[in-house]
Amino acid sequence: MARLKHGTAARTLSLLPALLFLVLLSALPLANLFALSFAEVNWTGGTQSWRWVGFENYQALASDSLFHAGILNTLLLVLVATSLQVAIGLALALMCSAVGRKSHAYRTLFLLPILIPGIIIGAIWRLMYNYQFGIINQVLGYLGLGQVDWLGSASLAMWSVIIVDVWHWTPFAFLLLLAAVESLPQDVVEAAKIDGATPYKRFRRITLPLLWPAIFVTFVFRAIIAFKVFDEVYLLTGGGPGTATEVISFTIYQRFFIQDNPGYGSAMSVTVMFVVALVVAVAMTRQRAEAQ
């Protein structure tokens, strides 16, 4: 018994450096962000001073139209872009799995977009979307369809950003779902083939139910990342025209750095972080309950 207790204590002590490192990197910044959300920060003679304002920053969120637009636009981007990425990623994963060993070239090709830095992707797509000399409008001109103001139109700007996000992050979903597809039990699929099940029935009754946990996890992981989208909006539209592409991360950036209001920006950050954590916790709980 004494030896068992000694071994447990030794393992606990061995984890202590990693725990301290985690606290330094995560817990302290979060605690500082939370405390800052209840304060108003002023700079006097190069010195930072905090003034306690209680819940004023959180109360101001209720009447902030820019915050509301950022939330709605972010939800639209997350739901549409993530759904498309998971659907396309699943289709590509099934295709590569069906090809077999000869699919290495396809896999490399499909993964290329996620390897490109976001700032380069923003610059490339901004040139492609350009109203006067962008390649997309040039192709439309050759087809006799006329030019389209992809980034300057309030009705098209968000969809243009979504297209870029789907192109950039579909490889993420593809990579996760490919691993899930290749781990499927082949004996079940072969048995269904012998019983005469069509490819559609095999996909609907066997493949899709077996892949559902992986699809759900991929959707949640990608949605969390999509909720923090910033670089694509910053480089393509700057949140415009108007508030058409105003996403919550860009709104927080404006409050923090452009308007120099870190207290209010912190309140925004804490609110968004809490809502996302709550949604993810509820979704994971429901998924765990369904799995049981």
C-alpha atoms as a PDB file:
ATOM      1  CA  MET A   1       0.000   0.000   0.000  1.00  0.00           C
ATOM      2  CA  ALA A   2       2.815   2.399   0.910  1.00  0.00           C
ATOM      3  CA  ARG A   3       4.544   1.618  -2.372  1.00  0.00           C
ATOM      4  CA  LEU A   4       1.298   2.343  -4.262  1.00  0.00           C
ATOM      5  CA  LYS A   5       0.902   5.707  -2.510  1.00  0.00           C
ATOM      6  CA  HIS A   6       4.518   6.545  -3.250  1.00  0.00           C
ATOM      7  CA  GLY A   7       4.009   5.762  -6.944  1.00  0.00           C
ATOM      8  CA  THR A   8       0.868   7.928  -7.092  1.00  0.00           C
ATOM      9  CA  ALA A   9       2.679  10.830  -5.432  1.00  0.00           C
ATOM     10  CA  ALA A  10       5.598  10.476  -7.839  1.00  0.00           C
ATOM     11  CA  ARG A  11       3.277  10.580 -10.862  1.00  0.00           C
ATOM     12  CA  THR A  12       1.490  13.632  -9.469  1.00  0.00           C
ATOM     13  CA  LEU A  13       4.783  15.445  -8.910  1.00  0.00           C
ATOM     14  CA  SER A  14       5.935  14.551 -12.420  1.00  0.00           C
ATOM     15  CA  LEU A  15       2.842  16.307 -13.829  1.00  0.00           C
ATOM     16  CA  LEU A  16       3.411  19.441 -11.754  1.00  0.00           C
ATOM     17  CA  PRO A  17       5.759  21.222 -14.255  1.00  0.00           C
ATOM     18  CA  ALA A  18       3.284  20.680 -17.095  1.00  0.00           C
ATOM     19  CA  LEU A  19       0.447  21.915 -14.880  1.00  0.00           C
ATOM     20  CA  LEU A  20       2.357  25.064 -13.940  1.00  0.00           C
ATOM     21  CA  PHE A  21       3.196  25.662 -17.591  1.00  0.00           C
ATOM     22  CA  LEU A  22      -0.502  25.327 -18.479  1.00  0.00           C
ATOM     23  CA  VAL A  23      -1.464  27.792 -15.744  1.00  0.00           C
ATOM     24  CA  LEU A  24       1.082  30.330 -16.969  1.00  0.00           C
ATOM     25  CA  LEU A  25      -0.058  30.048 -20.588  1.00  0.00           C
ATOM     26  CA  SER A  26      -3.809  29.744 -20.097  1.00  0.00           C
ATOM     27  CA  ALA A  27      -5.219  30.410 -16.655  1.00  0.00           C
ATOM     28  CA  LEU A  28      -3.385  33.669 -15.914  1.00  0.00           C
ATOM     29  CA  PRO A  29      -4.248  35.364 -19.243  1.00  0.00           C
ATOM     30  CA  LEU A  30      -7.878  34.259 -18.870  1.00  0.00           C
ATOM     31  CA  ALA A  31      -8.019  35.601 -15.317  1.00  0.00           C
ATOM     32  CA  ASN A  32      -6.528  38.899 -16.496  1.00  0.00           C
ATOM     33  CA  LEU A  33      -9.062  39.080 -19.353  1.00  0.00           C
ATOM     34  CA  PHE A  34     -11.936  38.411 -16.944  1.00  0.00           C
ATOM     35  CA  ALA A  35     -10.746  41.082 -14.497  1.00  0.00           C
ATOM     36  CA  LEU A  36     -10.212  43.576 -17.318  1.00  0.00           C
ATOM     37  CA  SER A  37     -13.819  43.121 -18.469  1.00  0.00           C
ATOM     38  CA  PHE A  38     -15.004  44.810 -15.255  1.00  0.00           C
ATOM     39  CA  ALA A  39     -12.744  47.827 -15.646  1.00  0.00           C
ATOM     40  CA  GLU A  40     -12.149  50.906 -17.760  1.00  0.00           C
ATOM     41  CA  VAL A  41      -8.530  51.326 -18.796  1.00  0.00           C
ATOM     42  CA  ASN A  42      -6.953  54.744 -19.228  1.00  0.00           C
ATOM     43  CA  TRP A  43      -3.432  55.808 -20.108  1.00  0.00           C
ATOM     44  CA  THR A  44      -1.965  58.768 -18.262  1.00  0.00           C
ATOM     45  CA  GLY A  45       1.634  59.778 -18.916  1.00  0.00           C
ATOM     46  CA  GLY A  46       2.398  56.360 -20.345  1.00  0.00           C
ATOM     47  CA  THR A  47       1.020  54.621 -17.246  1.00  0.00           C
ATOM     48  CA  GLN A  48      -1.937  52.276 -17.359  1.00  0.00           C
ATOM     49  CA  SER A  49      -4.700  52.837 -14.799  1.00  0.00           C
ATOM     50  CA  TRP A  50      -7.767  50.692 -14.184  1.00  0.00           C
ATOM     51  CA  ARG A  51     -11.085  52.054 -12.950  1.00  0.00           C
ATOM     52  CA  TRP A  52     -13.626  49.549 -11.640  1.00  0.00           C
ATOM     53  CA  VAL A  53     -16.943  49.893 -13.519  1.00  0.00           C
ATOM     54  CA  GLY A  54     -18.695  46.694 -12.462  1.00  0.00           C
ATOM     55  CA  PHE A  55     -21.058  45.266 -15.077  1.00  0.00           C
ATOM     56  CA  GLU A  56     -21.241  48.422 -17.205  1.00  0.00           C
ATOM     57  CA  ASN A  57     -19.233  46.864 -20.036  1.00  0.00           C
ATOM     58  CA  TYR A  58     -21.532  43.828 -20.149  1.00  0.00           C
ATOM     59  CA  GLN A  59     -24.656  45.980 -19.994  1.00  0.00           C
ATOM     60  CA  ALA A  60     -23.425  48.028 -22.946  1.00  0.00           C
ATOM     61  CA  LEU A  61     -23.367  44.893 -25.111  1.00  0.00           C
ATOM     62  CA  ALA A  62     -27.162  44.815 -25.174  1.00  0.00           C
ATOM     63  CA  SER A  63     -27.332  48.093 -27.152  1.00  0.00           C
ATOM     64  CA  ASP A  64     -24.239  47.604 -29.333  1.00  0.00           C
ATOM     65  CA  SER A  65     -25.474  47.164 -32.916  1.00  0.00           C
ATOM     66  CA  LEU A  66     -21.985  46.310 -34.138  1.00  0.00           C
ATOM     67  CA  PHE A  67     -21.768  43.480 -31.594  1.00  0.00           C
ATOM     68  CA  HIS A  68     -25.158  42.138 -32.689  1.00  0.00           C
ATOM     69  CA  ALA A  69     -24.146  42.263 -36.372  1.00  0.00           C
ATOM     70  CA  GLY A  70     -20.882  40.509 -35.547  1.00  0.00           C
ATOM     71  CA  ILE A  71     -22.688  37.695 -33.731  1.00  0.00           C
ATOM     72  CA  LEU A  72     -25.232  37.143 -36.523  1.00  0.00           C
ATOM     73  CA  ASN A  73     -22.638  37.251 -39.303  1.00  0.00           C
ATOM     74  CA  THR A  74     -20.349  34.900 -37.388  1.00  0.00           C
ATOM     75  CA  LEU A  75     -23.161  32.396 -36.828  1.00  0.00           C
ATOM     76  CA  LEU A  76     -24.006  32.504 -40.550  1.00  0.00           C
ATOM     77  CA  LEU A  77     -20.388  31.928 -41.514  1.00  0.00           C
ATOM     78  CA  VAL A  78     -19.899  29.137 -38.965  1.00  0.00           C
ATOM     79  CA  LEU A  79     -23.046  27.204 -39.890  1.00  0.00           C
ATOM     80  CA  VAL A  80     -22.781  27.521 -43.675  1.00  0.00           C
ATOM     81  CA  ALA A  81     -19.006  27.238 -44.064  1.00  0.00           C
ATOM     82  CA  THR A  82     -18.592  24.398 -41.554  1.00  0.00           C
ATOM     83  CA  SER A  83     -21.471  22.397 -43.042  1.00  0.00           C
ATOM     84  CA  LEU A  84     -20.018  22.749 -46.545  1.00  0.00           C
ATOM     85  CA  GLN A  85     -16.524  21.863 -45.357  1.00  0.00           C
ATOM     86  CA  VAL A  86     -17.702  18.708 -43.613  1.00  0.00           C
ATOM     87  CA  ALA A  87     -19.867  17.657 -46.582  1.00  0.00           C
ATOM     88  CA  ILE A  88     -17.123  18.257 -49.164  1.00  0.00           C
ATOM     89  CA  GLY A  89     -14.461  16.770 -46.879  1.00  0.00           C
ATOM     90  CA  LEU A  90     -16.541  13.617 -46.426  1.00  0.00           C
ATOM     91  CA  ALA A  91     -17.082  13.284 -50.183  1.00  0.00           C
ATOM     92  CA  LEU A  92     -13.346  13.677 -50.857  1.00  0.00           C
ATOM     93  CA  ALA A  93     -12.478  11.207 -48.087  1.00  0.00           C
ATOM     94  CA  LEU A  94     -14.849   8.585 -49.511  1.00  0.00           C
ATOM     95  CA  MET A  95     -13.449   9.148 -52.993  1.00  0.00           C
ATOM     96  CA  CYS A  96      -9.836   8.756 -51.861  1.00  0.00           C
ATOM     97  CA  SER A  97     -10.703   5.652 -49.872  1.00  0.00           C
ATOM     98  CA  ALA A  98     -12.399   4.126 -52.913  1.00  0.00           C
ATOM     99  CA  VAL A  99      -9.363   4.825 -55.123  1.00  0.00           C
ATOM    100  CA  GLY A 100      -7.086   3.076 -52.625  1.00  0.00           C
ATOM    101  CA  ARG A 101      -3.313   3.225 -52.804  1.00  0.00           C
ATOM    102  CA  LYS A 102      -3.352   5.331 -55.968  1.00  0.00           C
ATOM    103  CA  SER A 103      -4.929   8.251 -54.097  1.00  0.00           C
ATOM    104  CA  HIS A 104      -1.679   9.691 -52.647  1.00  0.00           C
ATOM    105  CA  ALA A 105      -1.470  12.368 -55.325  1.00  0.00           C
ATOM    106  CA  TYR A 106      -5.088  13.391 -54.695  1.00  0.00           C
ATOM    107  CA  ARG A 107      -4.517  13.564 -50.948  1.00  0.00           C
ATOM    108  CA  THR A 108      -1.532  15.855 -51.404  1.00  0.00           C
ATOM    109  CA  LEU A 109      -3.514  18.075 -53.766  1.00  0.00           C
ATOM    110  CA  PHE A 110      -6.493  18.309 -51.402  1.00  0.00           C
ATOM    111  CA  LEU A 111      -4.258  19.281 -48.460  1.00  0.00           C
ATOM    112  CA  LEU A 112      -2.465  22.138 -50.233  1.00  0.00           C
ATOM    113  CA  PRO A 113      -4.889  24.980 -49.287  1.00  0.00           C
ATOM    114  CA  ILE A 114      -4.486  24.422 -45.547  1.00  0.00           C
ATOM    115  CA  LEU A 115      -0.699  24.684 -45.891  1.00  0.00           C
ATOM    116  CA  ILE A 116      -0.861  28.226 -47.298  1.00  0.00           C
ATOM    117  CA  PRO A 117      -0.691  31.080 -44.714  1.00  0.00           C
ATOM    118  CA  GLY A 118      -3.931  32.998 -44.276  1.00  0.00           C
ATOM    119  CA  ILE A 119      -2.409  36.339 -45.265  1.00  0.00           C
ATOM    120  CA  ILE A 120      -1.344  34.915 -48.652  1.00  0.00           C
ATOM    121  CA  ILE A 121      -4.778  33.367 -49.190  1.00  0.00           C
ATOM    122  CA  GLY A 122      -6.418  36.713 -48.445  1.00  0.00           C
ATOM    123  CA  ALA A 123      -4.152  38.519 -50.909  1.00  0.00           C
ATOM    124  CA  ILE A 124      -4.695  35.931 -53.663  1.00  0.00           C
ATOM    125  CA  TRP A 125      -8.471  35.864 -53.350  1.00  0.00           C
ATOM    126  CA  ARG A 126      -8.679  39.646 -53.093  1.00  0.00           C
ATOM    127  CA  LEU A 127      -6.953  39.858 -56.468  1.00  0.00           C
ATOM    128  CA  MET A 128      -9.225  37.146 -57.890  1.00  0.00           C
ATOM    129  CA  TYR A 129     -12.329  38.994 -56.643  1.00  0.00           C
ATOM    130  CA  ASN A 130     -11.138  42.381 -57.965  1.00  0.00           C
ATOM    131  CA  TYR A 131     -13.946  44.125 -59.828  1.00  0.00           C
ATOM    132  CA  GLN A 132     -11.812  45.501 -62.666  1.00  0.00           C
ATOM    133  CA  PHE A 133      -9.128  42.889 -63.387  1.00  0.00           C
ATOM    134  CA  GLY A 134      -9.933  39.876 -61.199  1.00  0.00           C
ATOM    135  CA  ILE A 135      -9.828  36.538 -62.963  1.00  0.00           C
ATOM    136  CA  ILE A 136     -13.348  35.625 -61.824  1.00  0.00           C
ATOM    137  CA  ASN A 137     -14.871  38.704 -63.443  1.00  0.00           C
ATOM    138  CA  GLN A 138     -12.729  38.182 -66.542  1.00  0.00           C
ATOM    139  CA  VAL A 139     -14.189  34.683 -66.940  1.00  0.00           C
ATOM    140  CA  LEU A 140     -17.701  36.043 -66.403  1.00  0.00           C
ATOM    141  CA  GLY A 141     -16.984  38.726 -69.019  1.00  0.00           C
ATOM    142  CA  TYR A 142     -15.905  36.108 -71.576  1.00  0.00           C
ATOM    143  CA  LEU A 143     -19.147  34.239 -70.885  1.00  0.00           C
ATOM    144  CA  GLY A 144     -21.148  37.433 -71.407  1.00  0.00           C
ATOM    145  CA  LEU A 145     -22.477  37.493 -67.826  1.00  0.00           C
ATOM    146  CA  GLY A 146     -21.047  40.864 -66.813  1.00  0.00           C
ATOM    147  CA  GLN A 147     -18.870  41.899 -63.893  1.00  0.00           C
ATOM    148  CA  VAL A 148     -19.837  41.342 -60.257  1.00  0.00           C
ATOM    149  CA  ASP A 149     -18.707  43.409 -57.272  1.00  0.00           C
ATOM    150  CA  TRP A 150     -17.938  40.407 -55.079  1.00  0.00           C
ATOM    151  CA  LEU A 151     -16.462  42.284 -52.114  1.00  0.00           C
ATOM    152  CA  GLY A 152     -18.276  45.614 -52.474  1.00  0.00           C
ATOM    153  CA  SER A 153     -21.830  44.305 -52.593  1.00  0.00           C
ATOM    154  CA  ALA A 154     -23.596  43.957 -49.231  1.00  0.00           C
ATOM    155  CA  SER A 155     -25.518  40.922 -50.473  1.00  0.00           C
ATOM    156  CA  LEU A 156     -22.474  39.075 -51.869  1.00  0.00           C
ATOM    157  CA  ALA A 157     -19.554  40.037 -49.623  1.00  0.00           C
ATOM    158  CA  MET A 158     -20.277  37.495 -46.847  1.00  0.00           C
ATOM    159  CA  TRP A 159     -20.804  34.699 -49.366  1.00  0.00           C
ATOM    160  CA  SER A 160     -17.504  35.614 -50.995  1.00  0.00           C
ATOM    161  CA  VAL A 161     -15.791  35.282 -47.609  1.00  0.00           C
ATOM    162  CA  ILE A 162     -17.543  31.950 -47.012  1.00  0.00           C
ATOM    163  CA  ILE A 163     -16.235  30.618 -50.344  1.00  0.00           C
ATOM    164  CA  VAL A 164     -12.671  31.494 -49.327  1.00  0.00           C
ATOM    165  CA  ASP A 165     -13.133  29.920 -45.891  1.00  0.00           C
ATOM    166  CA  VAL A 166     -14.518  26.721 -47.427  1.00  0.00           C
ATOM    167  CA  TRP A 167     -11.614  26.526 -49.885  1.00  0.00           C
ATOM    168  CA  HIS A 168      -9.077  27.137 -47.110  1.00  0.00           C
ATOM    169  CA  TRP A 169     -10.409  24.807 -44.405  1.00  0.00           C
ATOM    170  CA  THR A 170     -12.040  21.897 -46.243  1.00  0.00           C
ATOM    171  CA  PRO A 171      -8.697  20.007 -46.062  1.00  0.00           C
ATOM    172  CA  PHE A 172      -9.013  20.062 -42.261  1.00  0.00           C
ATOM    173  CA  ALA A 173     -12.335  18.214 -42.426  1.00  0.00           C
ATOM    174  CA  PHE A 174     -11.007  15.962 -45.190  1.00  0.00           C
ATOM    175  CA  LEU A 175      -8.010  14.901 -43.098  1.00  0.00           C
ATOM    176  CA  LEU A 176     -10.070  13.988 -40.029  1.00  0.00           C
ATOM    177  CA  LEU A 177     -12.795  12.208 -41.985  1.00  0.00           C
ATOM    178  CA  LEU A 178     -10.310  10.300 -44.147  1.00  0.00           C
ATOM    179  CA  ALA A 179      -8.847   8.719 -41.016  1.00  0.00           C
ATOM    180  CA  ALA A 180     -12.368   7.762 -39.914  1.00  0.00           C
ATOM    181  CA  VAL A 181     -13.303   6.336 -43.337  1.00  0.00           C
ATOM    182  CA  GLU A 182     -10.156   4.205 -43.516  1.00  0.00           C
ATOM    183  CA  SER A 183     -10.855   2.765 -40.060  1.00  0.00           C
ATOM    184  CA  LEU A 184     -14.323   1.485 -40.998  1.00  0.00           C
ATOM    185  CA  PRO A 185     -14.817  -2.295 -40.585  1.00  0.00           C
ATOM    186  CA  GLN A 186     -14.688  -3.631 -44.126  1.00  0.00           C
ATOM    187  CA  ASP A 187     -16.332  -6.945 -43.238  1.00  0.00           C
ATOM    188  CA  VAL A 188     -19.637  -5.166 -42.575  1.00  0.00           C
ATOM    189  CA  VAL A 189     -19.485  -3.389 -45.938  1.00  0.00           C
ATOM    190  CA  GLU A 190     -18.587  -6.611 -47.754  1.00  0.00           C
ATOM    191  CA  ALA A 191     -21.481  -8.423 -46.077  1.00  0.00           C
ATOM    192  CA  ALA A 192     -23.863  -5.718 -47.281  1.00  0.00           C
ATOM    193  CA  LYS A 193     -22.504  -6.080 -50.820  1.00  0.00           C
ATOM    194  CA  ILE A 194     -23.116  -9.831 -50.727  1.00  0.00           C
ATOM    195  CA  ASP A 195     -26.677  -9.224 -49.516  1.00  0.00           C
ATOM    196  CA  GLY A 196     -27.247  -7.042 -52.589  1.00  0.00           C
ATOM    197  CA  ALA A 197     -27.336  -3.617 -50.967  1.00  0.00           C
ATOM    198  CA  THR A 198     -26.912  -0.753 -53.428  1.00  0.00           C
ATOM    199  CA  PRO A 199     -24.094   1.798 -52.926  1.00  0.00           C
ATOM    200  CA  TYR A 200     -26.646   4.359 -51.745  1.00  0.00           C
ATOM    201  CA  LYS A 201     -28.120   1.966 -49.156  1.00  0.00           C
ATOM    202  CA  ARG A 202     -24.650   0.958 -47.963  1.00  0.00           C
ATOM    203  CA  PHE A 203     -23.774   4.605 -47.477  1.00  0.00           C
ATOM    204  CA  ARG A 204     -27.042   5.506 -45.748  1.00  0.00           C
ATOM    205  CA  ARG A 205     -27.459   2.424 -43.547  1.00  0.00           C
ATOM    206  CA  ILE A 206     -23.826   1.480 -42.786  1.00  0.00           C
ATOM    207  CA  THR A 207     -21.202   4.079 -43.675  1.00  0.00           C
ATOM    208  CA  LEU A 208     -23.019   7.193 -42.462  1.00  0.00           C
ATOM    209  CA  PRO A 209     -24.085   5.796 -39.051  1.00  0.00           C
ATOM    210  CA  LEU A 210     -20.576   4.464 -38.414  1.00  0.00           C
ATOM    211  CA  LEU A 211     -19.025   7.772 -39.418  1.00  0.00           C
ATOM    212  CA  TRP A 212     -21.476   9.944 -37.491  1.00  0.00           C
ATOM    213  CA  PRO A 213     -19.312  10.344 -34.339  1.00  0.00           C
ATOM    214  CA  ALA A 214     -16.343  11.423 -36.488  1.00  0.00           C
ATOM    215  CA  ILE A 215     -18.547  13.783 -38.509  1.00  0.00           C
ATOM    216  CA  PHE A 216     -19.898  15.339 -35.328  1.00  0.00           C
ATOM    217  CA  VAL A 217     -16.454  15.834 -33.783  1.00  0.00           C
ATOM    218  CA  THR A 218     -15.123  17.285 -37.038  1.00  0.00           C
ATOM    219  CA  PHE A 219     -18.036  19.710 -37.221  1.00  0.00           C
ATOM    220  CA  VAL A 220     -17.538  20.852 -33.615  1.00  0.00           C
ATOM    221  CA  PHE A 221     -13.755  21.274 -33.978  1.00  0.00           C
ATOM    222  CA  ARG A 222     -14.103  23.194 -37.212  1.00  0.00           C
ATOM    223  CA  ALA A 223     -16.961  25.336 -35.860  1.00  0.00           C
ATOM    224  CA  ILE A 224     -14.810  26.400 -32.901  1.00  0.00           C
ATOM    225  CA  ILE A 225     -12.028  27.467 -35.271  1.00  0.00           C
ATOM    226  CA  ALA A 226     -14.494  29.170 -37.652  1.00  0.00           C
ATOM    227  CA  PHE A 227     -15.937  31.192 -34.777  1.00  0.00           C
ATOM    228  CA  LYS A 228     -12.538  32.880 -34.445  1.00  0.00           C
ATOM    229  CA  VAL A 229     -12.204  33.797 -38.129  1.00  0.00           C
ATOM    230  CA  PHE A 230     -10.363  37.073 -38.545  1.00  0.00           C
ATOM    231  CA  ASP A 231      -7.624  37.143 -41.170  1.00  0.00           C
ATOM    232  CA  GLU A 232      -9.893  36.405 -44.138  1.00  0.00           C
ATOM    233  CA  VAL A 233     -12.351  39.166 -43.198  1.00  0.00           C
ATOM    234  CA  TYR A 234      -9.577  41.623 -42.340  1.00  0.00           C
ATOM    235  CA  LEU A 235      -7.779  41.096 -45.656  1.00  0.00           C
ATOM    236  CA  LEU A 236     -10.779  40.759 -47.958  1.00  0.00           C
ATOM    237  CA  THR A 237     -13.383  43.246 -46.762  1.00  0.00           C
ATOM    238  CA  GLY A 238     -12.326  44.861 -43.463  1.00  0.00           C
ATOM    239  CA  GLY A 239     -15.811  44.071 -42.133  1.00  0.00           C
ATOM    240  CA  GLY A 240     -17.575  45.969 -44.922  1.00  0.00           C
ATOM    241  CA  PRO A 241     -19.407  47.046 -46.854  1.00  0.00           C
ATOM    242  CA  GLY A 242     -21.164  48.517 -43.838  1.00  0.00           C
ATOM    243  CA  THR A 243     -21.535  45.614 -41.424  1.00  0.00           C
ATOM    244  CA  ALA A 244     -22.109  42.961 -44.099  1.00  0.00           C
ATOM    245  CA  THR A 245     -19.008  40.950 -43.137  1.00  0.00           C
ATOM    246  CA  GLU A 246     -18.569  42.188 -39.566  1.00  0.00           C
ATOM    247  CA  VAL A 247     -17.629  39.071 -37.567  1.00  0.00           C
ATOM    248  CA  ILE A 248     -17.250  39.016 -33.812  1.00  0.00           C
ATOM    249  CA  SER A 249     -13.472  38.599 -33.771  1.00  0.00           C
ATOM    250  CA  PHE A 250     -13.125  41.664 -36.002  1.00  0.00           C
ATOM    251  CA  THR A 251     -15.474  43.602 -33.720  1.00  0.00           C
ATOM    252  CA  ILE A 252     -13.363  42.692 -30.687  1.00  0.00           C
ATOM    253  CA  TYR A 253     -10.229  43.743 -32.573  1.00  0.00           C
ATOM    254  CA  GLN A 254     -11.782  47.143 -33.325  1.00  0.00           C
ATOM    255  CA  ARG A 255     -12.798  47.693 -29.713  1.00  0.00           C
ATOM    256  CA  PHE A 256      -9.405  46.665 -28.359  1.00  0.00           C
ATOM    257  CA  PHE A 257      -7.003  48.317 -30.768  1.00  0.00           C
ATOM    258  CA  ILE A 258      -8.792  50.793 -33.042  1.00  0.00           C
ATOM    259  CA  GLN A 259     -11.014  52.393 -30.392  1.00  0.00           C
ATOM    260  CA  ASP A 260      -8.554  51.691 -27.541  1.00  0.00           C
ATOM    261  CA  ASN A 261     -11.254  50.294 -25.251  1.00  0.00           C
ATOM    262  CA  PRO A 262      -9.758  47.074 -23.829  1.00  0.00           C
ATOM    263  CA  GLY A 263     -12.263  46.819 -20.974  1.00  0.00           C
ATOM    264  CA  TYR A 264     -15.240  46.704 -23.310  1.00  0.00           C
ATOM    265  CA  GLY A 265     -13.365  44.438 -25.728  1.00  0.00           C
ATOM    266  CA  SER A 266     -12.620  42.062 -22.848  1.00  0.00           C
ATOM    267  CA  ALA A 267     -16.307  41.957 -21.929  1.00  0.00           C
ATOM    268  CA  MET A 268     -17.065  40.998 -25.527  1.00  0.00           C
ATOM    269  CA  SER A 269     -14.380  38.303 -25.478  1.00  0.00           C
ATOM    270  CA  VAL A 270     -15.594  36.789 -22.201  1.00  0.00           C
ATOM    271  CA  THR A 271     -19.213  36.764 -23.398  1.00  0.00           C
ATOM    272  CA  VAL A 272     -18.354  35.076 -26.691  1.00  0.00           C
ATOM    273  CA  MET A 273     -16.051  32.580 -24.981  1.00  0.00           C
ATOM    274  CA  PHE A 274     -18.768  31.655 -22.481  1.00  0.00           C
ATOM    275  CA  VAL A 275     -21.432  31.221 -25.194  1.00  0.00           C
ATOM    276  CA  VAL A 276     -19.166  29.057 -27.380  1.00  0.00           C
ATOM    277  CA  ALA A 277     -18.104  26.923 -24.411  1.00  0.00           C
ATOM    278  CA  LEU A 278     -21.742  26.461 -23.398  1.00  0.00           C
ATOM    279  CA  VAL A 279     -22.838  25.448 -26.905  1.00  0.00           C
ATOM    280  CA  VAL A 280     -19.960  22.988 -27.255  1.00  0.00           C
ATOM    281  CA  ALA A 281     -20.638  21.490 -23.812  1.00  0.00           C
ATOM    282  CA  VAL A 282     -24.338  20.987 -24.626  1.00  0.00           C
ATOM    283  CA  ALA A 283     -23.542  19.479 -28.031  1.00  0.00           C
ATOM    284  CA  MET A 284     -20.948  17.088 -26.608  1.00  0.00           C
ATOM    285  CA  THR A 285     -23.322  16.054 -23.808  1.00  0.00           C
ATOM    286  CA  ARG A 286     -26.087  15.261 -26.301  1.00  0.00           C
ATOM    287  CA  GLN A 287     -23.682  13.345 -28.519  1.00  0.00           C
ATOM    288  CA  ARG A 288     -22.454  11.312 -25.550  1.00  0.00           C
ATOM    289  CA  ALA A 289     -26.035  10.559 -24.514  1.00  0.00           C
ATOM    290  CA  GLU A 290     -26.962   9.426 -28.043  1.00  0.00           C
ATOM    291  CA  ALA A 291     -23.871   7.216 -28.209  1.00  0.00           C
ATOM    292  CA  GLN A 292     -24.930   5.419 -25.030  1.00  0.00           C
END
